[in-house]
Amino acid sequence: MSSGVFQLLFMQSFLWNAGIGWTIPNRNSCFKVDLESKLFGQHIASLVILKAVNGFMRDDNPKKPLVLSLHGPSGTGKNFVSKLIAAKIYKKGMDSSFVHVLNSELHFPLQSQFETYKTQLQQRIKDNVTNCECSMFIFDEMDQMHPGLIDSIKPYLGYHSNLDGVSYRKAIFIFLSNAGGESITQTALDFWKAGRDREEIKLNDLETVLSSSVFNSNNGLWHSGLITNNLVDFFVPFLPLEYRHVVQCVMAEMKAKGLHPDQNMADKVAKDLLYFPRSDKVFSVSGCKTICTRYHNYI
């Protein structure tokens, strides 16, 4: 056995025992299948996230951490896809001690504690990356975060071999936000009014307007150095969901609960949701967010 092969097998064993299982055969292909079969109505997000995460995890020596900023209306799959990413990297998925979820309203509620939060956030990231260089940090409800707070971690997201002896280049940072949702929805609506299929919408139709919208609106990335310094690798748009996607969500929820998927029941649940614009009822107001509680009323 060559030394190169031995080193590869040793690293795979080390990562797996540590709870990081990306290097196990077929996990990349499973990730692709999950994105295609479980994330409904998000052809742009599926493709961008698949390439970004796969490419990052294959790189033995990345130049910087992977930074993804997921944007879109509520209930479109942003939290769900972050769980899929965690499940494919860590044996315990979201329950892994290497996955850290920070909720703006829960962890950073008070403007008066802004400076304290900055210090705590920096220390938390440093401590956890010191413990595991492949740590993942998920920042939920970025649209509710105090502007400027996220810039306290800007040094950790840059092109540094290490900072004070700690390398952050193998960490992953995911921002989840409703900010920019209006511009995404408007683009989807424009395509629909023009009689064009939503699958025709490309990343370049949205990425520039999305980053500009996020940069200039009141949210955690308002005038952020993360944007001006190009530290966010991808602004990933999540499109508003149509009726057919809601039906798919209901069918998937029934299957996940061990029930036989019932098309008629799925249609009933989907029809009871609110849609907009009022005259045409194209997009679900709440996406698939309330599906897990609503479908019980139809069993």
Protein backbone atom coordinates (compact mmCIF):
# COMPACT_ATOMS: atom_id res chain seq x y z
CA MET A 1 0.00 0.00 0.00
CA SER A 2 1.41 3.40 -1.00
CA SER A 3 1.98 6.05 1.65
CA GLY A 4 -0.57 8.32 -0.08
CA VAL A 5 -3.32 5.72 0.09
CA PHE A 6 -2.42 4.90 3.69
CA GLN A 7 -2.65 8.57 4.66
CA LEU A 8 -6.03 8.90 2.94
CA LEU A 9 -7.44 5.86 4.73
CA PHE A 10 -6.02 7.08 8.03
CA MET A 11 -7.67 10.49 7.58
CA GLN A 12 -11.01 8.91 6.62
CA SER A 13 -10.89 6.75 9.73
CA PHE A 14 -9.94 9.71 11.90
CA LEU A 15 -12.73 11.89 10.57
CA TRP A 16 -15.33 9.15 10.89
CA ASN A 17 -14.38 8.36 14.48
CA ALA A 18 -14.57 12.07 15.25
CA GLY A 19 -18.12 12.15 13.91
CA ILE A 20 -17.32 13.73 10.55
CA GLY A 21 -18.39 11.32 7.85
CA TRP A 22 -18.12 13.16 4.52
CA THR A 23 -15.23 11.03 3.33
CA ILE A 24 -17.21 7.77 3.61
CA PRO A 25 -18.02 6.48 0.08
CA ASN A 26 -21.40 7.43 -1.50
CA ARG A 27 -22.20 10.26 0.94
CA ASN A 28 -21.66 12.82 -1.83
CA SER A 29 -24.13 11.03 -4.12
CA CYS A 30 -26.63 10.65 -1.25
CA PHE A 31 -26.42 14.40 -0.63
CA LYS A 32 -27.32 15.05 -4.27
CA VAL A 33 -30.27 12.67 -4.08
CA ASP A 34 -31.53 14.27 -0.86
CA LEU A 35 -31.38 17.76 -2.34
CA GLU A 36 -33.19 16.66 -5.48
CA SER A 37 -35.86 14.58 -3.74
CA LYS A 38 -36.49 16.44 -0.46
CA LEU A 39 -35.94 20.12 -1.22
CA PHE A 40 -38.96 21.10 -3.30
CA GLY A 41 -39.12 23.99 -5.76
CA GLN A 42 -35.55 25.14 -5.20
CA HIS A 43 -33.60 24.27 -8.34
CA ILE A 44 -31.14 27.16 -7.87
CA ALA A 45 -30.43 26.48 -4.21
CA SER A 46 -30.05 22.73 -4.80
CA LEU A 47 -27.45 23.17 -7.52
CA VAL A 48 -25.48 25.97 -5.84
CA ILE A 49 -25.36 24.26 -2.44
CA LEU A 50 -24.44 20.87 -3.93
CA LYS A 51 -21.48 22.30 -5.85
CA ALA A 52 -20.37 24.63 -3.06
CA VAL A 53 -20.43 22.03 -0.27
CA ASN A 54 -19.05 19.17 -2.37
CA GLY A 55 -16.23 21.34 -3.70
CA PHE A 56 -15.35 22.63 -0.24
CA MET A 57 -15.31 19.21 1.39
CA ARG A 58 -13.13 17.75 -1.36
CA ASP A 59 -10.50 20.43 -0.85
CA ASP A 60 -7.87 19.22 1.60
CA ASN A 61 -6.49 22.73 1.95
CA PRO A 62 -9.21 25.37 1.48
CA LYS A 63 -8.05 28.99 1.40
CA LYS A 64 -10.92 30.22 3.59
CA PRO A 65 -14.00 28.91 5.41
CA LEU A 66 -17.12 28.19 3.36
CA VAL A 67 -19.65 30.99 3.88
CA LEU A 68 -23.20 30.56 2.56
CA SER A 69 -25.96 33.12 2.98
CA LEU A 70 -29.42 31.62 2.37
CA HIS A 71 -32.24 34.05 1.67
CA GLY A 72 -35.91 33.82 0.89
CA PRO A 73 -39.46 33.93 2.22
CA SER A 74 -40.44 31.96 5.29
CA GLY A 75 -41.09 28.24 4.85
CA THR A 76 -39.10 27.78 1.65
CA GLY A 77 -36.46 25.37 2.98
CA LYS A 78 -33.56 27.39 4.38
CA ASN A 79 -33.50 25.66 7.78
CA PHE A 80 -34.24 22.33 6.16
CA VAL A 81 -31.29 22.48 3.79
CA SER A 82 -28.92 23.41 6.61
CA LYS A 83 -30.03 20.20 8.32
CA LEU A 84 -29.32 18.24 5.14
CA ILE A 85 -25.81 19.69 5.00
CA ALA A 86 -25.17 18.78 8.65
CA ALA A 87 -26.53 15.26 8.13
CA LYS A 88 -24.11 14.60 5.30
CA ILE A 89 -21.03 15.90 7.10
CA TYR A 90 -21.56 14.68 10.66
CA LYS A 91 -22.68 11.24 11.82
CA LYS A 92 -25.08 12.83 14.32
CA GLY A 93 -26.25 15.56 11.98
CA MET A 94 -27.69 18.54 13.83
CA ASP A 95 -27.11 16.71 17.12
CA SER A 96 -23.37 16.71 16.57
CA SER A 97 -21.33 18.64 19.11
CA PHE A 98 -19.57 20.22 16.12
CA VAL A 99 -22.75 21.92 14.83
CA HIS A 100 -23.59 25.21 16.53
CA VAL A 101 -26.89 27.01 15.96
CA LEU A 102 -27.11 30.67 16.98
CA ASN A 103 -30.53 32.30 16.92
CA SER A 104 -30.56 36.09 16.84
CA GLU A 105 -33.61 36.57 19.04
CA LEU A 106 -32.52 33.92 21.54
CA HIS A 107 -28.77 34.55 21.80
CA PHE A 108 -28.52 38.28 20.97
CA PRO A 109 -31.79 39.90 22.08
CA LEU A 110 -30.60 43.14 23.72
CA GLN A 111 -29.08 46.09 21.90
CA SER A 112 -27.64 47.26 25.23
CA GLN A 113 -25.48 44.11 25.36
CA PHE A 114 -24.05 44.62 21.87
CA GLU A 115 -20.39 44.82 22.91
CA THR A 116 -20.75 41.83 25.24
CA TYR A 117 -22.31 39.77 22.44
CA LYS A 118 -19.40 40.62 20.13
CA THR A 119 -16.86 39.34 22.63
CA GLN A 120 -18.92 36.23 23.44
CA LEU A 121 -19.44 35.42 19.76
CA GLN A 122 -15.76 35.72 18.92
CA GLN A 123 -14.79 33.53 21.86
CA ARG A 124 -17.43 30.93 21.09
CA ILE A 125 -16.22 30.52 17.53
CA LYS A 126 -12.57 30.45 18.51
CA ASP A 127 -13.15 27.84 21.23
CA ASN A 128 -15.20 25.54 19.02
CA VAL A 129 -12.91 25.73 16.00
CA THR A 130 -9.96 25.07 18.30
CA ASN A 131 -11.80 21.94 19.42
CA CYS A 132 -12.74 20.91 15.85
CA GLU A 133 -11.47 22.71 12.77
CA CYS A 134 -14.41 21.31 10.75
CA SER A 135 -17.05 22.98 12.94
CA MET A 136 -20.27 24.34 11.43
CA PHE A 137 -21.99 27.52 12.60
CA ILE A 138 -25.59 28.24 11.61
CA PHE A 139 -26.85 31.77 12.25
CA ASP A 140 -30.64 31.70 12.21
CA GLU A 141 -32.87 34.77 11.74
CA MET A 142 -30.06 36.97 10.49
CA ASP A 143 -32.70 39.52 9.51
CA GLN A 144 -33.32 40.03 13.26
CA MET A 145 -29.65 40.40 14.23
CA HIS A 146 -28.34 43.79 15.35
CA PRO A 147 -26.48 45.34 12.40
CA GLY A 148 -22.73 45.24 12.91
CA LEU A 149 -22.66 42.27 15.27
CA ILE A 150 -21.80 39.71 12.62
CA ASP A 151 -18.82 41.83 11.54
CA SER A 152 -17.14 40.86 14.81
CA ILE A 153 -16.34 37.48 13.23
CA LYS A 154 -15.09 38.94 9.93
CA PRO A 155 -11.42 38.07 10.61
CA TYR A 156 -12.36 34.39 10.97
CA LEU A 157 -13.94 34.30 7.50
CA GLY A 158 -10.98 35.65 5.58
CA TYR A 159 -7.97 34.24 3.76
CA HIS A 160 -5.75 33.59 6.79
CA SER A 161 -3.66 30.49 7.36
CA ASN A 162 -4.34 30.99 11.06
CA LEU A 163 -5.21 33.63 13.64
CA ASP A 164 -3.45 33.40 16.99
CA GLY A 165 -2.53 29.82 16.14
CA VAL A 166 -6.05 28.75 15.12
CA SER A 167 -7.00 27.91 11.52
CA TYR A 168 -10.62 28.58 10.53
CA ARG A 169 -10.26 27.54 6.90
CA LYS A 170 -12.14 24.23 7.26
CA ALA A 171 -15.10 25.66 9.16
CA ILE A 172 -18.50 26.30 7.58
CA PHE A 173 -20.68 29.35 8.27
CA ILE A 174 -24.32 29.42 7.16
CA PHE A 175 -26.52 32.50 7.47
CA LEU A 176 -30.31 32.06 7.29
CA SER A 177 -32.43 35.11 6.60
CA ASN A 178 -35.76 36.35 5.25
CA ALA A 179 -33.97 39.52 4.09
CA GLY A 180 -34.07 39.84 0.33
CA GLY A 181 -37.21 37.74 0.18
CA GLU A 182 -39.21 40.53 -1.48
CA SER A 183 -36.78 40.89 -4.39
CA ILE A 184 -36.68 37.11 -4.85
CA THR A 185 -40.46 36.90 -4.83
CA GLN A 186 -40.79 39.79 -7.28
CA THR A 187 -38.43 38.09 -9.72
CA ALA A 188 -40.38 34.84 -9.47
CA LEU A 189 -43.63 36.74 -9.99
CA ASP A 190 -42.23 38.58 -13.01
CA PHE A 191 -41.26 35.27 -14.62
CA TRP A 192 -44.73 33.87 -13.92
CA LYS A 193 -46.48 36.93 -15.40
CA ALA A 194 -44.31 36.63 -18.50
CA GLY A 195 -45.42 33.01 -18.91
CA ARG A 196 -41.93 31.70 -18.22
CA ASP A 197 -41.22 28.56 -16.22
CA ARG A 198 -39.68 29.13 -12.78
CA GLU A 199 -36.93 26.66 -13.68
CA GLU A 200 -35.71 29.27 -16.19
CA ILE A 201 -34.67 31.54 -13.31
CA LYS A 202 -30.89 31.41 -12.91
CA LEU A 203 -28.60 32.44 -10.07
CA ASN A 204 -27.36 35.45 -12.04
CA ASP A 205 -30.96 36.69 -12.31
CA LEU A 206 -30.99 37.09 -8.54
CA GLU A 207 -27.54 37.14 -6.95
CA THR A 208 -26.63 40.77 -7.65
CA VAL A 209 -30.01 42.23 -6.71
CA LEU A 210 -30.11 39.93 -3.67
CA SER A 211 -26.71 40.97 -2.29
CA SER A 212 -27.58 44.63 -2.90
CA SER A 213 -30.94 44.27 -1.19
CA VAL A 214 -29.41 42.54 1.83
CA PHE A 215 -26.59 45.09 2.06
CA ASN A 216 -28.97 48.07 2.05
CA SER A 217 -31.89 46.78 4.15
CA ASN A 218 -32.18 46.75 7.94
CA ASN A 219 -30.86 43.31 8.89
CA GLY A 220 -27.77 41.62 10.31
CA LEU A 221 -25.82 42.12 7.08
CA TRP A 222 -26.66 45.82 6.68
CA HIS A 223 -23.52 47.56 5.34
CA SER A 224 -21.56 44.52 6.51
CA GLY A 225 -17.85 44.15 5.84
CA LEU A 226 -18.58 40.52 5.02
CA ILE A 227 -20.21 41.78 1.83
CA THR A 228 -17.85 44.65 0.97
CA ASN A 229 -14.87 42.33 1.46
CA ASN A 230 -16.49 39.53 -0.60
CA LEU A 231 -16.31 37.01 2.25
CA VAL A 232 -19.74 35.51 1.51
CA ASP A 233 -19.07 32.82 -1.09
CA PHE A 234 -22.67 32.48 -2.27
CA PHE A 235 -25.89 34.38 -1.75
CA VAL A 236 -28.37 31.56 -2.28
CA PRO A 237 -31.96 32.51 -3.20
CA PHE A 238 -34.92 30.39 -2.10
CA LEU A 239 -37.95 30.91 -4.32
CA PRO A 240 -41.53 31.20 -3.05
CA LEU A 241 -43.35 27.86 -3.26
CA GLU A 242 -46.30 27.09 -5.52
CA TYR A 243 -49.27 24.85 -4.80
CA ARG A 244 -47.59 21.80 -6.36
CA HIS A 245 -44.60 22.19 -4.06
CA VAL A 246 -46.81 22.39 -0.99
CA VAL A 247 -48.45 19.12 -2.04
CA GLN A 248 -44.99 17.56 -2.30
CA CYS A 249 -44.19 18.81 1.20
CA VAL A 250 -47.32 17.22 2.62
CA MET A 251 -46.61 13.89 0.89
CA ALA A 252 -43.04 13.94 2.23
CA GLU A 253 -44.23 14.73 5.75
CA MET A 254 -46.66 11.81 5.73
CA LYS A 255 -43.93 9.48 4.51
CA ALA A 256 -41.53 10.76 7.19
CA LYS A 257 -44.15 10.00 9.85
CA GLY A 258 -44.53 6.43 8.62
CA LEU A 259 -47.89 7.06 6.97
CA HIS A 260 -48.91 6.05 3.47
CA PRO A 261 -48.74 9.20 1.30
CA ASP A 262 -52.28 10.19 0.33
CA GLN A 263 -52.58 12.49 -2.69
CA ASN A 264 -56.16 13.50 -1.86
CA MET A 265 -55.25 14.44 1.68
CA ALA A 266 -52.21 16.35 0.46
CA ASP A 267 -54.44 18.33 -1.90
CA LYS A 268 -56.84 19.16 0.92
CA VAL A 269 -54.04 20.43 3.15
CA ALA A 270 -52.49 22.49 0.35
CA LYS A 271 -55.82 24.04 -0.67
CA ASP A 272 -56.44 25.33 2.84
CA LEU A 273 -53.29 27.44 2.87
CA LEU A 274 -53.20 31.11 1.87
CA TYR A 275 -51.72 32.09 -1.49
CA PHE A 276 -50.75 35.34 -3.19
CA PRO A 277 -51.38 37.43 -5.22
CA ARG A 278 -55.01 37.22 -4.11
CA SER A 279 -56.34 37.31 -7.65
CA ASP A 280 -54.19 34.47 -8.94
CA LYS A 281 -53.08 32.55 -5.81
CA VAL A 282 -49.68 31.58 -7.22
CA PHE A 283 -47.39 31.35 -4.20
CA SER A 284 -47.95 30.00 -0.68
CA VAL A 285 -47.80 32.76 1.96
CA SER A 286 -46.18 30.47 4.52
CA GLY A 287 -44.44 28.07 2.15
CA CYS A 288 -44.31 24.64 3.80
CA LYS A 289 -43.70 25.98 7.30
CA THR A 290 -47.03 24.96 8.85
CA ILE A 291 -47.38 21.61 7.09
CA CYS A 292 -46.07 19.48 9.97
CA THR A 293 -48.88 20.70 12.26
CA ARG A 294 -51.70 21.17 9.77
CA TYR A 295 -51.82 17.72 8.21
CA HIS A 296 -52.82 16.15 11.56
CA ASN A 297 -56.23 17.80 11.18
CA TYR A 298 -56.94 15.71 8.09
CA ILE A 299 -55.99 12.28 9.40
